[in-house]
Amino acid sequence: MSKFQQSARISDESEDLSVLQINVWSGSKYDILWSSGSFDSFETPVHHNQRFDAFIQGVRALDPDVISLNEAMGLQGCKKYLEKVGKALEDYSVFGSIGVGGIILGPVAIPSWRTTEGDALLVKRKYEGKFIGRKRLSGRVYNNSFALNTDDATQVLGISLKKGGTSYAIYCTHWHAGLLDDKETNGDLNGLEGFSDKEINAGREEIYRSTETRLNEARLTLDFVKRTSGNNDVIVLMGDFNSTSGTPELKQVVEGGFTPLNIEGKKDTWSRDNPNVLMQSAPERADARGKVGGILYDKFSKREAQLDHIFVKGRVDLDGSPALVVLKEAAPVVPSDHYGLFAKILLPSSPSSQV
């Protein structure tokens, strides 16, 4: 029996914590349809609703204590989507914040509330989670009631809770989607033919800019966590980092004292085996990239990659707390274009952490 299977046997009285991280996928192309006040989509409303039902079904089966969500948008925008999630999962309190917002002035949103997207943390009500703050990482000013941001935007938000005698600070984040400074991307760049030195250098510059953006997101995230986590016993940082192990930005997270949870089995949360990835005929926001950058990002989007991560810091049994890639079965559809990550975070004194 694997340690993951053993760790799944946690009683209600245990102080160990189960968490689920998933980017639930907006389904959006992020091209505004002014006639409807919404974004153009890769999928039909019927397919979106099927995905939502599959997601809820998967959450109920996993029964996590805490859920970290990215790309909360749905068909009616961030607020309505999170209200729908909260109604379907009545045992959870929902703490969410709009990220992509366009222009919001109180009750008015331009182009509409349908184009708002955000991130959220859900925690079982019995643990009485408390919102401890939110930090803008990129983009212009935006929040749930006021926004002047028509481009991409990223953020981190946190909650605290106590389970038994153990206190937790838990954070959800979503970082910039762009080119990675990794072996594969640099290899793709060096292998391109038929481009001028100027075009190749422009591609290299795009790798640099994307990396600098995520490095800044890492710095801001770590600073926010340091300022708000207090004296909690365990800190959990999870999300869609749009980055892979070994990149400069994730190295910075590790240098900040965090340890990534190991994954049992196949590690990829982004996979070409996922029908929701295959239906995306072109990478989102393609017009924001240069000629070479667009080619490199297209190659990257067709790779198998672990883009979602769960990092921990504090009193944790790292050997006994593996993560598992989940929510990848079609029931009848796969819930998202990202697979989820599920983990039981075990404490050193926990009986379930013993082999």
Foldseek 3Di string as FASTA:
>chain_A
DDLQVLLLPDDLQDQWFKEKEDALAPQFLLPADLVVLAGDGLDDLVVLVLLVVLVLVFCVVSVGQKYKYFFQQRQQANVVSVVVVCVSVVQKDKDKKWWQFAFAAACAGVVGRNHITIIIMIGGVVQVKAWQDKDWQDFDDDIDHGDHGNDGTWMKTWIWTGRNNAIEIEMEIAFDAFAFPDPVLVVVLVPDPDDDPVQSVLLVVRNVVRLVSLLSSLVVVLVVCVVGVPPGQKYKYKYQSNDAPPTPNVVSVVVSAKDWQAEPDDQFQAAPVAVSLVSPPADRPLVVDDPVRRVSSRVVSHDGGRRIIMIMHHQFDRSSKHKYFAQRCPPVHRSHNTTMIMITTHGPPDPSSDD
